Amino acid sequence: MPVLGNLYDATVETIPRPLAYSLKKGGASYPKFRQTIVKMGQRYHDAPVGEEKAIETAANDLSHCVMLCAAWAAVYYEMDRYFDRRMQRALAVNQELKQLHQKALRIFEEKDQVYDKVMQEIFSPALSGGNASQTADGAKD
C-alpha cells in the first residue's frame, strides 16, 4: 500500500504544475485576468509587491487549491467505494439470511408433516375402535 500512496502523492503534486505555469504565462496575455491574479497575489503580502511576485504567489496558491481539491476528490471517491462495497456485502448477507430463514421454515413444515403422520399412525387404530393388541399382532387369534 505504501507504493500506491507514494504514487498518489507524486500524482497530486505533479498535476498542479502545468496549471501554475499556465497561470503565470497567461497572466501576461489577458489584462483583466492579470489584474485579478495580481490582486489575489498581493493580498498575501503585507507590503505591496511587484506584479511578477504577485502573479507567482497567486499561481502557487491556485495550484495548491487544485491539489487540495484533487485530494478531497480522491478521499470522497475512496469513501464512496468503501461504503458501496460495504453496502453490497450487507445486502449479500441479508439475502443469505433470507434464504436460511426460508430453508428453516421448510424444515419446520416438513417436521410438522412428519409429526402429524406419525401421530395419525399411532392414534388412528385406537380411534377406530380396534384393540391395540389386535393391531400389533395383525389379526385376532
N, C-alpha and C. Protein backbone atom coordinates (compact mmCIF):
# COMPACT_ATOMS: atom_id res chain seq x y z
N MET A 1 0.81 -1.20 0.00
CA MET A 1 0.00 0.00 0.00
C MET A 1 0.85 1.27 0.00
N PRO A 2 2.03 1.28 0.65
CA PRO A 2 2.84 2.49 0.62
C PRO A 2 3.23 2.90 -0.81
N VAL A 3 3.40 1.93 -1.69
CA VAL A 3 3.76 2.25 -3.07
C VAL A 3 2.65 3.04 -3.72
N LEU A 4 1.40 2.61 -3.51
CA LEU A 4 0.27 3.33 -4.08
C LEU A 4 0.15 4.73 -3.46
N GLY A 5 0.43 4.83 -2.17
CA GLY A 5 0.39 6.15 -1.51
C GLY A 5 1.42 7.09 -2.10
N ASN A 6 2.62 6.57 -2.32
CA ASN A 6 3.67 7.42 -2.91
C ASN A 6 3.32 7.81 -4.33
N LEU A 7 2.77 6.87 -5.08
CA LEU A 7 2.35 7.17 -6.44
C LEU A 7 1.25 8.24 -6.45
N TYR A 8 0.31 8.11 -5.52
CA TYR A 8 -0.75 9.11 -5.43
C TYR A 8 -0.18 10.48 -5.07
N ASP A 9 0.73 10.52 -4.08
CA ASP A 9 1.34 11.79 -3.70
C ASP A 9 2.07 12.44 -4.87
N ALA A 10 2.81 11.64 -5.61
CA ALA A 10 3.52 12.18 -6.76
C ALA A 10 2.56 12.71 -7.82
N THR A 11 1.46 12.00 -8.01
CA THR A 11 0.47 12.45 -9.00
C THR A 11 -0.17 13.75 -8.57
N VAL A 12 -0.55 13.84 -7.29
CA VAL A 12 -1.21 15.05 -6.79
C VAL A 12 -0.26 16.24 -6.84
N GLU A 13 1.01 16.00 -6.61
CA GLU A 13 1.97 17.10 -6.67
C GLU A 13 2.28 17.50 -8.11
N THR A 14 2.18 16.58 -9.05
CA THR A 14 2.52 16.85 -10.44
C THR A 14 1.39 17.54 -11.20
N ILE A 15 0.15 17.21 -10.88
CA ILE A 15 -1.00 17.75 -11.62
C ILE A 15 -1.03 19.28 -11.61
N PRO A 16 -0.84 19.97 -10.48
CA PRO A 16 -0.98 21.43 -10.49
C PRO A 16 0.16 22.19 -11.16
N ARG A 17 1.27 21.55 -11.41
CA ARG A 17 2.41 22.27 -12.00
C ARG A 17 2.07 22.90 -13.35
N PRO A 18 1.46 22.17 -14.27
CA PRO A 18 1.09 22.82 -15.53
C PRO A 18 0.08 23.96 -15.34
N LEU A 19 -0.79 23.81 -14.34
CA LEU A 19 -1.75 24.87 -14.07
C LEU A 19 -1.03 26.14 -13.60
N ALA A 20 -0.10 25.97 -12.69
CA ALA A 20 0.64 27.14 -12.20
C ALA A 20 1.43 27.79 -13.34
N TYR A 21 2.04 26.98 -14.18
CA TYR A 21 2.79 27.52 -15.31
C TYR A 21 1.85 28.28 -16.25
N SER A 22 0.69 27.72 -16.52
CA SER A 22 -0.27 28.38 -17.41
C SER A 22 -0.76 29.68 -16.81
N LEU A 23 -0.97 29.70 -15.51
CA LEU A 23 -1.43 30.94 -14.87
C LEU A 23 -0.36 32.02 -14.94
N LYS A 24 0.90 31.63 -14.72
CA LYS A 24 1.99 32.61 -14.79
C LYS A 24 2.13 33.16 -16.21
N LYS A 25 2.05 32.26 -17.17
CA LYS A 25 2.20 32.66 -18.56
C LYS A 25 0.95 33.39 -19.07
N GLY A 26 -0.22 32.93 -18.68
CA GLY A 26 -1.47 33.53 -19.14
C GLY A 26 -1.73 34.88 -18.52
N GLY A 27 -1.11 35.16 -17.41
CA GLY A 27 -1.29 36.46 -16.78
C GLY A 27 -0.88 37.61 -17.69
N ALA A 28 0.10 37.39 -18.54
CA ALA A 28 0.58 38.44 -19.44
C ALA A 28 -0.34 38.61 -20.63
N SER A 29 -1.05 37.59 -21.00
CA SER A 29 -1.87 37.62 -22.21
C SER A 29 -3.19 38.35 -22.04
N TYR A 30 -3.82 38.26 -20.91
CA TYR A 30 -5.14 38.83 -20.70
C TYR A 30 -5.09 39.87 -19.58
N PRO A 31 -5.29 41.14 -19.92
CA PRO A 31 -5.15 42.22 -18.91
C PRO A 31 -6.13 42.07 -17.73
N LYS A 32 -7.37 41.74 -18.00
CA LYS A 32 -8.36 41.61 -16.92
C LYS A 32 -7.96 40.45 -15.99
N PHE A 33 -7.55 39.35 -16.58
CA PHE A 33 -7.11 38.20 -15.80
C PHE A 33 -5.86 38.55 -15.01
N ARG A 34 -4.96 39.28 -15.63
CA ARG A 34 -3.72 39.70 -14.98
C ARG A 34 -4.02 40.55 -13.76
N GLN A 35 -4.98 41.47 -13.87
CA GLN A 35 -5.35 42.31 -12.73
C GLN A 35 -5.89 41.46 -11.58
N THR A 36 -6.74 40.53 -11.93
CA THR A 36 -7.33 39.66 -10.90
C THR A 36 -6.26 38.84 -10.18
N ILE A 37 -5.36 38.28 -10.95
CA ILE A 37 -4.28 37.47 -10.37
C ILE A 37 -3.36 38.33 -9.51
N VAL A 38 -3.03 39.53 -9.99
CA VAL A 38 -2.14 40.42 -9.23
C VAL A 38 -2.80 40.80 -7.91
N LYS A 39 -4.09 41.15 -7.94
CA LYS A 39 -4.80 41.49 -6.69
C LYS A 39 -4.82 40.32 -5.73
N MET A 40 -5.06 39.14 -6.28
CA MET A 40 -5.09 37.93 -5.45
C MET A 40 -3.72 37.69 -4.83
N GLY A 41 -2.67 37.85 -5.61
CA GLY A 41 -1.32 37.60 -5.10
C GLY A 41 -0.88 38.64 -4.09
N GLN A 42 -1.30 39.88 -4.26
CA GLN A 42 -0.88 40.94 -3.33
C GLN A 42 -1.60 40.86 -1.99
N ARG A 43 -2.69 40.18 -1.92
CA ARG A 43 -3.41 40.02 -0.65
C ARG A 43 -2.59 39.24 0.37
N TYR A 44 -1.70 38.42 -0.09
CA TYR A 44 -0.92 37.57 0.82
C TYR A 44 0.35 38.24 1.33
N HIS A 45 0.63 39.42 0.88
CA HIS A 45 1.83 40.15 1.34
C HIS A 45 1.40 41.39 2.09
N ASP A 46 2.15 41.72 3.15
CA ASP A 46 1.82 42.93 3.92
C ASP A 46 2.16 44.19 3.14
N ALA A 47 3.29 44.18 2.52
CA ALA A 47 3.71 45.36 1.74
C ALA A 47 3.41 45.10 0.27
N PRO A 48 3.14 46.13 -0.50
CA PRO A 48 2.91 45.92 -1.94
C PRO A 48 4.14 45.29 -2.60
N VAL A 49 3.90 44.35 -3.47
CA VAL A 49 4.99 43.67 -4.18
C VAL A 49 4.79 43.88 -5.67
N GLY A 50 5.80 43.54 -6.42
CA GLY A 50 5.73 43.67 -7.86
C GLY A 50 4.74 42.69 -8.47
N GLU A 51 4.36 42.98 -9.71
CA GLU A 51 3.36 42.15 -10.39
C GLU A 51 3.85 40.72 -10.56
N GLU A 52 5.11 40.56 -10.90
CA GLU A 52 5.63 39.20 -11.13
C GLU A 52 5.57 38.36 -9.86
N LYS A 53 5.95 38.96 -8.74
CA LYS A 53 5.90 38.24 -7.45
C LYS A 53 4.44 37.94 -7.08
N ALA A 54 3.54 38.87 -7.32
CA ALA A 54 2.12 38.66 -7.01
C ALA A 54 1.53 37.56 -7.89
N ILE A 55 1.88 37.57 -9.18
CA ILE A 55 1.39 36.53 -10.10
C ILE A 55 1.92 35.17 -9.67
N GLU A 56 3.20 35.11 -9.30
CA GLU A 56 3.79 33.85 -8.86
C GLU A 56 3.10 33.33 -7.59
N THR A 57 2.85 34.22 -6.65
CA THR A 57 2.18 33.83 -5.41
C THR A 57 0.77 33.33 -5.69
N ALA A 58 0.02 34.07 -6.51
CA ALA A 58 -1.36 33.66 -6.83
C ALA A 58 -1.37 32.33 -7.58
N ALA A 59 -0.45 32.16 -8.51
CA ALA A 59 -0.39 30.91 -9.27
C ALA A 59 -0.08 29.74 -8.35
N ASN A 60 0.85 29.93 -7.44
CA ASN A 60 1.18 28.86 -6.48
C ASN A 60 -0.01 28.55 -5.57
N ASP A 61 -0.70 29.60 -5.12
CA ASP A 61 -1.87 29.37 -4.26
C ASP A 61 -2.97 28.64 -5.02
N LEU A 62 -3.22 29.03 -6.25
CA LEU A 62 -4.24 28.34 -7.04
C LEU A 62 -3.85 26.89 -7.31
N SER A 63 -2.58 26.67 -7.56
CA SER A 63 -2.16 25.28 -7.79
C SER A 63 -2.31 24.45 -6.52
N HIS A 64 -2.07 25.06 -5.36
CA HIS A 64 -2.28 24.34 -4.11
C HIS A 64 -3.78 24.06 -3.89
N CYS A 65 -4.62 24.99 -4.30
CA CYS A 65 -6.07 24.75 -4.22
C CYS A 65 -6.46 23.57 -5.11
N VAL A 66 -5.86 23.50 -6.29
CA VAL A 66 -6.15 22.37 -7.18
C VAL A 66 -5.68 21.07 -6.53
N MET A 67 -4.51 21.09 -5.91
CA MET A 67 -4.02 19.90 -5.21
C MET A 67 -4.98 19.49 -4.11
N LEU A 68 -5.45 20.46 -3.35
CA LEU A 68 -6.36 20.16 -2.25
C LEU A 68 -7.68 19.59 -2.80
N CYS A 69 -8.18 20.18 -3.86
CA CYS A 69 -9.42 19.66 -4.47
C CYS A 69 -9.22 18.25 -5.00
N ALA A 70 -8.08 17.98 -5.60
CA ALA A 70 -7.80 16.63 -6.10
C ALA A 70 -7.72 15.64 -4.94
N ALA A 71 -7.10 16.06 -3.84
CA ALA A 71 -7.01 15.18 -2.68
C ALA A 71 -8.39 14.91 -2.10
N TRP A 72 -9.21 15.94 -1.97
CA TRP A 72 -10.56 15.75 -1.45
C TRP A 72 -11.39 14.88 -2.37
N ALA A 73 -11.23 15.06 -3.67
CA ALA A 73 -11.96 14.22 -4.63
C ALA A 73 -11.54 12.76 -4.48
N ALA A 74 -10.25 12.54 -4.29
CA ALA A 74 -9.77 11.16 -4.12
C ALA A 74 -10.31 10.55 -2.83
N VAL A 75 -10.32 11.33 -1.76
CA VAL A 75 -10.85 10.83 -0.49
C VAL A 75 -12.33 10.51 -0.64
N TYR A 76 -13.08 11.41 -1.27
CA TYR A 76 -14.51 11.17 -1.48
C TYR A 76 -14.73 9.92 -2.32
N TYR A 77 -13.95 9.77 -3.38
CA TYR A 77 -14.08 8.60 -4.26
C TYR A 77 -13.81 7.32 -3.49
N GLU A 78 -12.75 7.30 -2.70
CA GLU A 78 -12.41 6.10 -1.94
C GLU A 78 -13.46 5.79 -0.87
N MET A 79 -13.97 6.83 -0.22
CA MET A 79 -15.01 6.59 0.79
C MET A 79 -16.28 6.08 0.13
N ASP A 80 -16.61 6.61 -1.04
CA ASP A 80 -17.79 6.16 -1.77
C ASP A 80 -17.63 4.69 -2.16
N ARG A 81 -16.45 4.33 -2.65
CA ARG A 81 -16.19 2.93 -3.00
C ARG A 81 -16.30 2.04 -1.77
N TYR A 82 -15.73 2.50 -0.65
CA TYR A 82 -15.75 1.72 0.58
C TYR A 82 -17.18 1.47 1.03
N PHE A 83 -17.99 2.52 1.08
CA PHE A 83 -19.37 2.37 1.53
C PHE A 83 -20.19 1.57 0.53
N ASP A 84 -19.88 1.67 -0.74
CA ASP A 84 -20.59 0.89 -1.74
C ASP A 84 -20.30 -0.60 -1.55
N ARG A 85 -19.02 -0.94 -1.35
CA ARG A 85 -18.67 -2.34 -1.10
C ARG A 85 -19.30 -2.84 0.20
N ARG A 86 -19.31 -2.00 1.20
CA ARG A 86 -19.91 -2.38 2.48
C ARG A 86 -21.41 -2.62 2.31
N MET A 87 -22.06 -1.77 1.54
CA MET A 87 -23.50 -1.94 1.30
C MET A 87 -23.76 -3.22 0.52
N GLN A 88 -22.92 -3.52 -0.47
CA GLN A 88 -23.09 -4.75 -1.24
C GLN A 88 -22.92 -5.98 -0.34
N ARG A 89 -21.93 -5.93 0.56
CA ARG A 89 -21.74 -7.04 1.49
C ARG A 89 -22.95 -7.19 2.41
N ALA A 90 -23.47 -6.07 2.89
CA ALA A 90 -24.63 -6.12 3.77
C ALA A 90 -25.84 -6.69 3.04
N LEU A 91 -26.03 -6.30 1.79
CA LEU A 91 -27.14 -6.84 1.00
C LEU A 91 -26.97 -8.34 0.76
N ALA A 92 -25.73 -8.77 0.51
CA ALA A 92 -25.47 -10.19 0.30
C ALA A 92 -25.76 -10.99 1.58
N VAL A 93 -25.34 -10.46 2.72
CA VAL A 93 -25.60 -11.14 3.99
C VAL A 93 -27.10 -11.18 4.25
N ASN A 94 -27.78 -10.08 3.96
CA ASN A 94 -29.23 -10.03 4.15
C ASN A 94 -29.93 -11.06 3.26
N GLN A 95 -29.49 -11.18 2.02
CA GLN A 95 -30.07 -12.16 1.10
C GLN A 95 -29.82 -13.58 1.61
N GLU A 96 -28.62 -13.83 2.10
CA GLU A 96 -28.30 -15.16 2.63
C GLU A 96 -29.14 -15.48 3.86
N LEU A 97 -29.35 -14.47 4.72
CA LEU A 97 -30.20 -14.69 5.89
C LEU A 97 -31.64 -15.00 5.48
N LYS A 98 -32.13 -14.33 4.46
CA LYS A 98 -33.48 -14.63 3.97
C LYS A 98 -33.58 -16.05 3.45
N GLN A 99 -32.54 -16.49 2.72
CA GLN A 99 -32.53 -17.86 2.20
C GLN A 99 -32.50 -18.87 3.34
N LEU A 100 -31.68 -18.60 4.36
CA LEU A 100 -31.61 -19.50 5.50
C LEU A 100 -32.94 -19.53 6.25
N HIS A 101 -33.59 -18.39 6.35
CA HIS A 101 -34.89 -18.33 7.01
C HIS A 101 -35.92 -19.16 6.24
N GLN A 102 -35.92 -19.05 4.93
CA GLN A 102 -36.84 -19.84 4.11
C GLN A 102 -36.55 -21.33 4.26
N LYS A 103 -35.29 -21.69 4.30
CA LYS A 103 -34.91 -23.09 4.47
C LYS A 103 -35.37 -23.62 5.83
N ALA A 104 -35.20 -22.79 6.87
CA ALA A 104 -35.64 -23.20 8.20
C ALA A 104 -37.16 -23.37 8.24
N LEU A 105 -37.88 -22.49 7.58
CA LEU A 105 -39.34 -22.63 7.53
C LEU A 105 -39.75 -23.93 6.83
N ARG A 106 -39.06 -24.26 5.72
CA ARG A 106 -39.36 -25.52 5.02
C ARG A 106 -39.08 -26.72 5.91
N ILE A 107 -37.97 -26.68 6.64
CA ILE A 107 -37.62 -27.78 7.54
C ILE A 107 -38.68 -27.93 8.63
N PHE A 108 -39.14 -26.83 9.20
CA PHE A 108 -40.18 -26.89 10.23
C PHE A 108 -41.49 -27.42 9.66
N GLU A 109 -41.82 -27.04 8.45
CA GLU A 109 -43.04 -27.56 7.82
C GLU A 109 -42.93 -29.07 7.59
N GLU A 110 -41.77 -29.52 7.14
CA GLU A 110 -41.55 -30.96 6.93
C GLU A 110 -41.63 -31.70 8.26
N LYS A 111 -41.05 -31.11 9.32
CA LYS A 111 -41.10 -31.72 10.65
C LYS A 111 -42.55 -31.83 11.12
N ASP A 112 -43.33 -30.79 10.91
CA ASP A 112 -44.74 -30.83 11.30
C ASP A 112 -45.50 -31.90 10.52
N GLN A 113 -45.19 -32.04 9.24
CA GLN A 113 -45.86 -33.05 8.42
C GLN A 113 -45.51 -34.46 8.91
N VAL A 114 -44.23 -34.69 9.21
CA VAL A 114 -43.80 -36.00 9.71
C VAL A 114 -44.45 -36.26 11.08
N TYR A 115 -44.49 -35.25 11.93
CA TYR A 115 -45.11 -35.39 13.25
C TYR A 115 -46.59 -35.74 13.10
N ASP A 116 -47.28 -35.02 12.23
CA ASP A 116 -48.71 -35.31 12.02
C ASP A 116 -48.92 -36.73 11.49
N LYS A 117 -48.07 -37.17 10.59
CA LYS A 117 -48.19 -38.52 10.03
C LYS A 117 -47.97 -39.58 11.10
N VAL A 118 -46.94 -39.38 11.92
CA VAL A 118 -46.65 -40.33 12.99
C VAL A 118 -47.79 -40.36 14.00
N MET A 119 -48.30 -39.20 14.37
CA MET A 119 -49.40 -39.14 15.33
C MET A 119 -50.65 -39.80 14.75
N GLN A 120 -50.88 -39.64 13.48
CA GLN A 120 -52.03 -40.25 12.84
C GLN A 120 -51.90 -41.77 12.84
N GLU A 121 -50.68 -42.27 12.57
CA GLU A 121 -50.46 -43.72 12.57
C GLU A 121 -50.62 -44.30 13.97
N ILE A 122 -50.23 -43.55 14.98
CA ILE A 122 -50.31 -44.04 16.35
C ILE A 122 -51.75 -44.04 16.84
N PHE A 123 -52.45 -42.95 16.63
CA PHE A 123 -53.78 -42.82 17.21
C PHE A 123 -54.92 -43.22 16.28
N SER A 124 -54.69 -43.46 15.06
CA SER A 124 -55.75 -43.83 14.12
C SER A 124 -56.37 -45.17 14.45
N PRO A 125 -55.60 -46.23 14.73
CA PRO A 125 -56.22 -47.52 15.06
C PRO A 125 -56.97 -47.46 16.38
N ALA A 126 -56.48 -46.70 17.32
CA ALA A 126 -57.13 -46.61 18.63
C ALA A 126 -58.46 -45.91 18.50
N LEU A 127 -58.56 -44.96 17.64
CA LEU A 127 -59.80 -44.21 17.45
C LEU A 127 -60.83 -45.01 16.66
N SER A 128 -60.39 -45.94 15.84
CA SER A 128 -61.31 -46.71 15.01
C SER A 128 -61.99 -47.84 15.80
N GLY A 129 -61.65 -48.00 17.06
CA GLY A 129 -62.31 -48.98 17.90
C GLY A 129 -61.57 -50.30 17.94
N GLY A 130 -60.48 -50.38 17.31
CA GLY A 130 -59.72 -51.61 17.28
C GLY A 130 -58.96 -51.80 18.58
N ASN A 131 -58.57 -53.04 18.84
CA ASN A 131 -57.79 -53.37 20.01
C ASN A 131 -56.33 -53.14 19.69
N ALA A 132 -55.62 -52.60 20.64
CA ALA A 132 -54.21 -52.30 20.41
C ALA A 132 -53.44 -53.58 20.18
N SER A 133 -53.80 -54.68 20.90
CA SER A 133 -53.11 -55.94 20.69
C SER A 133 -53.47 -56.54 19.35
N GLN A 134 -54.67 -56.24 18.90
CA GLN A 134 -55.11 -56.75 17.60
C GLN A 134 -54.29 -56.11 16.50
N THR A 135 -54.07 -54.84 16.57
CA THR A 135 -53.29 -54.18 15.53
C THR A 135 -51.83 -54.55 15.63
N ALA A 136 -51.37 -54.84 16.83
CA ALA A 136 -49.98 -55.20 16.97
C ALA A 136 -49.72 -56.60 16.40
N ASP A 137 -50.67 -57.55 16.65
CA ASP A 137 -50.47 -58.91 16.16
C ASP A 137 -50.91 -59.03 14.71
N GLY A 138 -51.68 -58.12 14.25
CA GLY A 138 -52.15 -58.15 12.88
C GLY A 138 -53.56 -58.65 12.81
N ALA A 139 -53.89 -59.75 13.46
CA ALA A 139 -55.26 -60.28 13.45
C ALA A 139 -55.52 -60.96 14.78
N LYS A 140 -56.79 -61.09 15.16
CA LYS A 140 -57.14 -61.71 16.44
C LYS A 140 -57.11 -63.22 16.30
N ASP A 141 -56.53 -63.94 17.26
CA ASP A 141 -56.43 -65.39 17.22
C ASP A 141 -57.69 -66.07 17.59
